[in-house]
């Protein structure tokens, strides 16, 4: 199976060659935000986990929101080796490889994936006030990869934007739920369940693309006559 070329990546933790209180705070905050969500995680918890004072945390970040933004920026940075090249255009194999790469990233950084799930479900009040959406460049890269393929005739007509959210959501949800799925299915291990999911997911993605190619062209939403 064709895979996207990726650089070797490190496991969750601070960047290579970087140390200090700031990076340790981001590490600790990543774990707590993933487990508890933004609203339920207090600055006190983050500080207590490292034995750091509140003023020290505020010195580095100024507020919980700014610390959270730093965590999201680190998540986005960890995704970069898994994203398609900026100007490439996807064909069928390229889309399947991109989805496979996103699945690889999710397994490599499970707590980051869990945090993204929480962010998508729990940020309704914050998203309207946000000046920047950290995940937008990631989604834009995947969507642009598919749209360029459509423009060059390598892919059929389908809603690439919704398609990207469809598979990223499916992957994040299943990986988070894998322990429960294992128990329900009486599987031997989480790895076995995840291998089955990968096989099913990639097969489904390919089948959907084939279906788009042989199906009717996607219709644009009709505009209302009411002004």
C-alpha atoms as a PDB file:
ATOM      1  CA  UNK A   1       0.000   0.000   0.000  1.00  0.00           C
ATOM      2  CA  UNK A   2       1.251   3.462  -0.903  1.00  0.00           C
ATOM      3  CA  UNK A   3       2.166   5.535   2.146  1.00  0.00           C
ATOM      4  CA  UNK A   4       3.055   9.159   2.534  1.00  0.00           C
ATOM      5  CA  UNK A   5       6.758   9.752   3.096  1.00  0.00           C
ATOM      6  CA  UNK A   6       7.243  10.826   6.683  1.00  0.00           C
ATOM      7  CA  UNK A   7      10.155  11.894   8.793  1.00  0.00           C
ATOM      8  CA  UNK A   8      10.952   9.887  11.872  1.00  0.00           C
ATOM      9  CA  UNK A   9       8.992  11.235  14.810  1.00  0.00           C
ATOM     10  CA  UNK A  10       9.453  11.062  18.524  1.00  0.00           C
ATOM     11  CA  UNK A  11       6.921   9.890  21.060  1.00  0.00           C
ATOM     12  CA  UNK A  12       4.942  12.302  23.202  1.00  0.00           C
ATOM     13  CA  UNK A  13       7.162  14.616  25.182  1.00  0.00           C
ATOM     14  CA  UNK A  14       9.175  17.770  24.909  1.00  0.00           C
ATOM     15  CA  UNK A  15      11.034  18.547  21.672  1.00  0.00           C
ATOM     16  CA  UNK A  16      14.533  17.070  21.327  1.00  0.00           C
ATOM     17  CA  UNK A  17      17.176  19.223  22.962  1.00  0.00           C
ATOM     18  CA  UNK A  18      14.681  21.381  24.798  1.00  0.00           C
ATOM     19  CA  UNK A  19      14.168  21.315  28.548  1.00  0.00           C
ATOM     20  CA  UNK A  20      12.996  23.521  31.360  1.00  0.00           C
ATOM     21  CA  UNK A  21       9.942  24.518  33.300  1.00  0.00           C
ATOM     22  CA  UNK A  22       8.014  25.809  30.292  1.00  0.00           C
ATOM     23  CA  UNK A  23       8.244  22.515  28.415  1.00  0.00           C
ATOM     24  CA  UNK A  24       7.447  20.459  31.514  1.00  0.00           C
ATOM     25  CA  UNK A  25       4.342  22.571  32.060  1.00  0.00           C
ATOM     26  CA  UNK A  26       3.210  21.915  28.487  1.00  0.00           C
ATOM     27  CA  UNK A  27       3.797  18.168  28.974  1.00  0.00           C
ATOM     28  CA  UNK A  28       1.791  18.095  32.192  1.00  0.00           C
ATOM     29  CA  UNK A  29      -0.965  20.273  30.770  1.00  0.00           C
ATOM     30  CA  UNK A  30      -1.259  18.021  27.701  1.00  0.00           C
ATOM     31  CA  UNK A  31      -1.939  15.007  29.902  1.00  0.00           C
ATOM     32  CA  UNK A  32      -4.462  16.771  32.126  1.00  0.00           C
ATOM     33  CA  UNK A  33      -6.307  18.515  29.300  1.00  0.00           C
ATOM     34  CA  UNK A  34      -6.612  15.179  27.476  1.00  0.00           C
ATOM     35  CA  UNK A  35      -7.943  13.421  30.585  1.00  0.00           C
ATOM     36  CA  UNK A  36     -10.193  16.130  32.013  1.00  0.00           C
ATOM     37  CA  UNK A  37     -10.859  18.659  29.276  1.00  0.00           C
ATOM     38  CA  UNK A  38     -10.106  22.376  29.283  1.00  0.00           C
ATOM     39  CA  UNK A  39     -12.831  23.518  31.678  1.00  0.00           C
ATOM     40  CA  UNK A  40     -12.229  20.796  34.277  1.00  0.00           C
ATOM     41  CA  UNK A  41      -8.458  21.270  34.410  1.00  0.00           C
ATOM     42  CA  UNK A  42      -7.242  23.882  36.871  1.00  0.00           C
ATOM     43  CA  UNK A  43      -3.943  25.701  36.917  1.00  0.00           C
ATOM     44  CA  UNK A  44      -3.473  24.387  40.457  1.00  0.00           C
ATOM     45  CA  UNK A  45      -3.588  20.783  39.202  1.00  0.00           C
ATOM     46  CA  UNK A  46      -1.002  21.513  36.547  1.00  0.00           C
ATOM     47  CA  UNK A  47       1.296  23.201  39.051  1.00  0.00           C
ATOM     48  CA  UNK A  48       0.869  20.520  41.723  1.00  0.00           C
ATOM     49  CA  UNK A  49       1.800  17.785  39.289  1.00  0.00           C
ATOM     50  CA  UNK A  50       5.214  19.371  38.830  1.00  0.00           C
ATOM     51  CA  UNK A  51       5.716  21.125  42.139  1.00  0.00           C
ATOM     52  CA  UNK A  52       5.693  24.475  40.350  1.00  0.00           C
ATOM     53  CA  UNK A  53       4.157  27.644  41.773  1.00  0.00           C
ATOM     54  CA  UNK A  54       1.188  29.402  40.218  1.00  0.00           C
ATOM     55  CA  UNK A  55       3.172  32.601  39.613  1.00  0.00           C
ATOM     56  CA  UNK A  56       5.796  30.563  37.744  1.00  0.00           C
ATOM     57  CA  UNK A  57       3.146  29.149  35.415  1.00  0.00           C
ATOM     58  CA  UNK A  58       1.629  32.578  34.812  1.00  0.00           C
ATOM     59  CA  UNK A  59       5.109  33.957  34.145  1.00  0.00           C
ATOM     60  CA  UNK A  60       5.513  31.521  31.260  1.00  0.00           C
ATOM     61  CA  UNK A  61       1.993  31.594  29.804  1.00  0.00           C
ATOM     62  CA  UNK A  62      -0.069  34.376  31.363  1.00  0.00           C
ATOM     63  CA  UNK A  63      -3.299  32.372  31.491  1.00  0.00           C
ATOM     64  CA  UNK A  64      -4.783  28.901  31.136  1.00  0.00           C
ATOM     65  CA  UNK A  65      -6.064  29.801  27.682  1.00  0.00           C
ATOM     66  CA  UNK A  66      -2.597  30.713  26.472  1.00  0.00           C
ATOM     67  CA  UNK A  67      -1.177  27.502  27.936  1.00  0.00           C
ATOM     68  CA  UNK A  68      -3.899  25.541  26.156  1.00  0.00           C
ATOM     69  CA  UNK A  69      -3.023  27.279  22.899  1.00  0.00           C
ATOM     70  CA  UNK A  70       0.599  26.200  23.352  1.00  0.00           C
ATOM     71  CA  UNK A  71      -0.545  22.604  23.845  1.00  0.00           C
ATOM     72  CA  UNK A  72      -2.610  22.754  20.653  1.00  0.00           C
ATOM     73  CA  UNK A  73       0.336  24.241  18.767  1.00  0.00           C
ATOM     74  CA  UNK A  74       2.501  21.332  19.900  1.00  0.00           C
ATOM     75  CA  UNK A  75      -0.155  18.891  18.707  1.00  0.00           C
ATOM     76  CA  UNK A  76      -0.252  20.542  15.295  1.00  0.00           C
ATOM     77  CA  UNK A  77       3.553  20.440  15.076  1.00  0.00           C
ATOM     78  CA  UNK A  78       3.519  16.708  15.807  1.00  0.00           C
ATOM     79  CA  UNK A  79       1.158  16.192  12.851  1.00  0.00           C
ATOM     80  CA  UNK A  80       3.346  17.866  10.251  1.00  0.00           C
ATOM     81  CA  UNK A  81       5.377  14.765   9.241  1.00  0.00           C
ATOM     82  CA  UNK A  82       2.114  12.911   8.616  1.00  0.00           C
ATOM     83  CA  UNK A  83       0.536  15.482   6.301  1.00  0.00           C
ATOM     84  CA  UNK A  84       0.729  15.357   2.490  1.00  0.00           C
ATOM     85  CA  UNK A  85       3.278  17.599   0.731  1.00  0.00           C
ATOM     86  CA  UNK A  86       1.976  21.113   0.282  1.00  0.00           C
ATOM     87  CA  UNK A  87       1.527  21.158  -3.491  1.00  0.00           C
ATOM     88  CA  UNK A  88       0.832  17.478  -4.200  1.00  0.00           C
ATOM     89  CA  UNK A  89      -2.475  16.341  -5.667  1.00  0.00           C
ATOM     90  CA  UNK A  90      -4.181  13.221  -4.354  1.00  0.00           C
ATOM     91  CA  UNK A  91      -5.276  10.204  -6.312  1.00  0.00           C
ATOM     92  CA  UNK A  92      -7.159   7.256  -4.815  1.00  0.00           C
ATOM     93  CA  UNK A  93      -4.009   5.682  -3.351  1.00  0.00           C
ATOM     94  CA  UNK A  94      -2.908   9.043  -2.007  1.00  0.00           C
ATOM     95  CA  UNK A  95      -6.134   9.551  -0.074  1.00  0.00           C
ATOM     96  CA  UNK A  96      -5.952   6.050   1.408  1.00  0.00           C
ATOM     97  CA  UNK A  97      -2.322   6.691   2.376  1.00  0.00           C
ATOM     98  CA  UNK A  98      -3.246  10.022   3.975  1.00  0.00           C
ATOM     99  CA  UNK A  99      -5.935   8.382   6.099  1.00  0.00           C
ATOM    100  CA  UNK A 100      -3.496   5.619   7.022  1.00  0.00           C
ATOM    101  CA  UNK A 101      -0.975   8.272   8.038  1.00  0.00           C
ATOM    102  CA  UNK A 102      -3.496  10.026  10.246  1.00  0.00           C
ATOM    103  CA  UNK A 103      -4.224   6.688  11.904  1.00  0.00           C
ATOM    104  CA  UNK A 104      -0.473   6.201  12.480  1.00  0.00           C
ATOM    105  CA  UNK A 105      -0.264   9.644  14.094  1.00  0.00           C
ATOM    106  CA  UNK A 106      -3.200   8.835  16.363  1.00  0.00           C
ATOM    107  CA  UNK A 107      -1.500   5.662  17.583  1.00  0.00           C
ATOM    108  CA  UNK A 108       1.812   7.477  18.046  1.00  0.00           C
ATOM    109  CA  UNK A 109       0.214  10.298  20.055  1.00  0.00           C
ATOM    110  CA  UNK A 110      -2.933   8.845  21.693  1.00  0.00           C
ATOM    111  CA  UNK A 111      -3.302  11.558  24.320  1.00  0.00           C
ATOM    112  CA  UNK A 112      -3.106  14.235  21.638  1.00  0.00           C
ATOM    113  CA  UNK A 113      -5.881  12.482  19.723  1.00  0.00           C
ATOM    114  CA  UNK A 114      -7.951  12.259  22.894  1.00  0.00           C
ATOM    115  CA  UNK A 115      -7.470  15.969  23.510  1.00  0.00           C
ATOM    116  CA  UNK A 116      -8.626  16.785  19.977  1.00  0.00           C
ATOM    117  CA  UNK A 117     -11.781  14.747  20.560  1.00  0.00           C
ATOM    118  CA  UNK A 118     -12.492  16.780  23.675  1.00  0.00           C
ATOM    119  CA  UNK A 119     -11.709  20.005  21.861  1.00  0.00           C
ATOM    120  CA  UNK A 120     -14.223  19.220  19.123  1.00  0.00           C
ATOM    121  CA  UNK A 121     -16.952  18.273  21.596  1.00  0.00           C
ATOM    122  CA  UNK A 122     -16.426  20.794  24.387  1.00  0.00           C
ATOM    123  CA  UNK A 123     -15.302  24.046  22.772  1.00  0.00           C
ATOM    124  CA  UNK A 124     -18.657  25.443  21.644  1.00  0.00           C
ATOM    125  CA  UNK A 125     -18.398  28.529  23.814  1.00  0.00           C
ATOM    126  CA  UNK A 126     -14.696  29.137  23.207  1.00  0.00           C
ATOM    127  CA  UNK A 127     -14.646  28.570  19.452  1.00  0.00           C
ATOM    128  CA  UNK A 128     -16.730  31.665  18.683  1.00  0.00           C
ATOM    129  CA  UNK A 129     -14.263  33.819  20.616  1.00  0.00           C
ATOM    130  CA  UNK A 130     -11.100  32.202  19.260  1.00  0.00           C
ATOM    131  CA  UNK A 131      -8.940  34.413  17.054  1.00  0.00           C
ATOM    132  CA  UNK A 132      -7.056  31.439  15.618  1.00  0.00           C
ATOM    133  CA  UNK A 133      -8.111  27.811  15.189  1.00  0.00           C
ATOM    134  CA  UNK A 134      -5.020  25.656  15.686  1.00  0.00           C
ATOM    135  CA  UNK A 135      -6.390  22.686  13.763  1.00  0.00           C
ATOM    136  CA  UNK A 136      -7.382  24.699  10.689  1.00  0.00           C
ATOM    137  CA  UNK A 137      -3.982  24.426   8.911  1.00  0.00           C
ATOM    138  CA  UNK A 138      -4.025  20.652   9.422  1.00  0.00           C
ATOM    139  CA  UNK A 139      -7.508  20.264   7.979  1.00  0.00           C
ATOM    140  CA  UNK A 140      -6.676  22.712   5.181  1.00  0.00           C
ATOM    141  CA  UNK A 141      -3.653  20.589   4.213  1.00  0.00           C
ATOM    142  CA  UNK A 142      -5.683  17.397   3.953  1.00  0.00           C
ATOM    143  CA  UNK A 143      -8.622  19.065   2.219  1.00  0.00           C
ATOM    144  CA  UNK A 144      -6.350  20.902  -0.216  1.00  0.00           C
ATOM    145  CA  UNK A 145      -4.577  17.642  -1.098  1.00  0.00           C
ATOM    146  CA  UNK A 146      -7.899  16.108  -2.145  1.00  0.00           C
ATOM    147  CA  UNK A 147      -9.240  19.210  -3.889  1.00  0.00           C
ATOM    148  CA  UNK A 148      -6.105  19.471  -6.034  1.00  0.00           C
ATOM    149  CA  UNK A 149      -6.630  15.848  -6.999  1.00  0.00           C
ATOM    150  CA  UNK A 150     -10.194  16.655  -8.011  1.00  0.00           C
ATOM    151  CA  UNK A 151      -9.080  19.656 -10.041  1.00  0.00           C
ATOM    152  CA  UNK A 152      -6.588  17.484 -11.933  1.00  0.00           C
ATOM    153  CA  UNK A 153      -9.119  14.731 -12.570  1.00  0.00           C
ATOM    154  CA  UNK A 154      -7.375  12.230 -10.287  1.00  0.00           C
ATOM    155  CA  UNK A 155     -10.315  12.057  -7.901  1.00  0.00           C
ATOM    156  CA  UNK A 156     -14.075  12.105  -8.471  1.00  0.00           C
ATOM    157  CA  UNK A 157     -16.396  14.852  -7.334  1.00  0.00           C
ATOM    158  CA  UNK A 158     -17.238  14.646  -3.616  1.00  0.00           C
ATOM    159  CA  UNK A 159     -17.293  16.962  -0.621  1.00  0.00           C
ATOM    160  CA  UNK A 160     -13.616  16.881   0.349  1.00  0.00           C
ATOM    161  CA  UNK A 161     -14.181  19.146   3.348  1.00  0.00           C
ATOM    162  CA  UNK A 162     -16.797  16.972   5.028  1.00  0.00           C
ATOM    163  CA  UNK A 163     -14.893  13.839   3.980  1.00  0.00           C
ATOM    164  CA  UNK A 164     -11.811  15.023   5.917  1.00  0.00           C
ATOM    165  CA  UNK A 165     -13.824  15.564   9.089  1.00  0.00           C
ATOM    166  CA  UNK A 166     -15.550  12.221   8.570  1.00  0.00           C
ATOM    167  CA  UNK A 167     -12.385  10.126   8.665  1.00  0.00           C
ATOM    168  CA  UNK A 168     -10.481  12.154  11.265  1.00  0.00           C
ATOM    169  CA  UNK A 169     -13.464  11.924  13.602  1.00  0.00           C
ATOM    170  CA  UNK A 170     -13.886   8.199  12.978  1.00  0.00           C
ATOM    171  CA  UNK A 171     -10.228   7.503  13.735  1.00  0.00           C
ATOM    172  CA  UNK A 172     -10.075   9.641  16.877  1.00  0.00           C
ATOM    173  CA  UNK A 173     -13.292   8.165  18.241  1.00  0.00           C
ATOM    174  CA  UNK A 174     -12.364   4.531  17.626  1.00  0.00           C
ATOM    175  CA  UNK A 175      -8.840   4.797  19.030  1.00  0.00           C
ATOM    176  CA  UNK A 176     -10.212   6.426  22.182  1.00  0.00           C
ATOM    177  CA  UNK A 177     -12.901   3.750  22.487  1.00  0.00           C
ATOM    178  CA  UNK A 178     -10.625   0.782  21.682  1.00  0.00           C
ATOM    179  CA  UNK A 179     -10.470  -0.607  25.266  1.00  0.00           C
ATOM    180  CA  UNK A 180     -14.268  -0.648  25.470  1.00  0.00           C
ATOM    181  CA  UNK A 181     -14.605  -2.136  21.977  1.00  0.00           C
ATOM    182  CA  UNK A 182     -12.131  -4.867  22.931  1.00  0.00           C
ATOM    183  CA  UNK A 183     -14.292  -5.880  25.889  1.00  0.00           C
ATOM    184  CA  UNK A 184     -17.517  -5.821  23.888  1.00  0.00           C
ATOM    185  CA  UNK A 185     -16.028  -7.938  21.088  1.00  0.00           C
ATOM    186  CA  UNK A 186     -14.085 -10.233  23.451  1.00  0.00           C
ATOM    187  CA  UNK A 187     -10.924  -9.505  21.479  1.00  0.00           C
ATOM    188  CA  UNK A 188      -7.502 -10.538  22.729  1.00  0.00           C
ATOM    189  CA  UNK A 189      -5.995  -7.052  22.830  1.00  0.00           C
ATOM    190  CA  UNK A 190      -6.456  -3.418  21.895  1.00  0.00           C
ATOM    191  CA  UNK A 191      -3.888  -3.933  19.129  1.00  0.00           C
ATOM    192  CA  UNK A 192      -6.019  -6.636  17.541  1.00  0.00           C
ATOM    193  CA  UNK A 193      -9.067  -4.364  17.585  1.00  0.00           C
ATOM    194  CA  UNK A 194      -7.077  -1.470  16.145  1.00  0.00           C
ATOM    195  CA  UNK A 195      -5.645  -3.645  13.365  1.00  0.00           C
ATOM    196  CA  UNK A 196      -9.159  -4.711  12.437  1.00  0.00           C
ATOM    197  CA  UNK A 197     -10.293  -1.102  12.451  1.00  0.00           C
ATOM    198  CA  UNK A 198      -7.401   0.004  10.227  1.00  0.00           C
ATOM    199  CA  UNK A 199      -8.215  -2.691   7.676  1.00  0.00           C
ATOM    200  CA  UNK A 200     -11.923  -1.857   7.710  1.00  0.00           C
ATOM    201  CA  UNK A 201     -11.326   1.904   7.595  1.00  0.00           C
ATOM    202  CA  UNK A 202      -8.938   1.845   4.642  1.00  0.00           C
ATOM    203  CA  UNK A 203     -11.170  -0.557   2.750  1.00  0.00           C
ATOM    204  CA  UNK A 204     -14.165   1.679   3.408  1.00  0.00           C
ATOM    205  CA  UNK A 205     -12.297   4.803   2.283  1.00  0.00           C
ATOM    206  CA  UNK A 206     -11.321   3.127  -0.977  1.00  0.00           C
ATOM    207  CA  UNK A 207     -14.860   1.854  -1.523  1.00  0.00           C
ATOM    208  CA  UNK A 208     -16.308   5.313  -0.879  1.00  0.00           C
ATOM    209  CA  UNK A 209     -13.951   6.875  -3.415  1.00  0.00           C
ATOM    210  CA  UNK A 210     -14.906   4.226  -5.964  1.00  0.00           C
ATOM    211  CA  UNK A 211     -18.562   4.885  -5.223  1.00  0.00           C
ATOM    212  CA  UNK A 212     -18.095   8.612  -5.735  1.00  0.00           C
ATOM    213  CA  UNK A 213     -16.499   7.927  -9.108  1.00  0.00           C
ATOM    214  CA  UNK A 214     -19.377   5.775 -10.321  1.00  0.00           C
ATOM    215  CA  UNK A 215     -22.166   7.719  -8.635  1.00  0.00           C
ATOM    216  CA  UNK A 216     -23.990  10.896  -9.548  1.00  0.00           C
ATOM    217  CA  UNK A 217     -22.076  14.201  -9.291  1.00  0.00           C
ATOM    218  CA  UNK A 218     -22.392  15.969  -5.965  1.00  0.00           C
ATOM    219  CA  UNK A 219     -25.085  18.628  -5.979  1.00  0.00           C
ATOM    220  CA  UNK A 220     -24.365  22.027  -4.469  1.00  0.00           C
ATOM    221  CA  UNK A 221     -26.819  23.116  -1.747  1.00  0.00           C
ATOM    222  CA  UNK A 222     -29.760  25.000  -3.196  1.00  0.00           C
ATOM    223  CA  UNK A 223     -29.995  28.654  -2.268  1.00  0.00           C
ATOM    224  CA  UNK A 224     -33.143  29.813  -0.552  1.00  0.00           C
ATOM    225  CA  UNK A 225     -35.470  32.098  -2.481  1.00  0.00           C
ATOM    226  CA  UNK A 226     -36.033  34.090   0.671  1.00  0.00           C
ATOM    227  CA  UNK A 227     -33.870  37.168   1.041  1.00  0.00           C
END
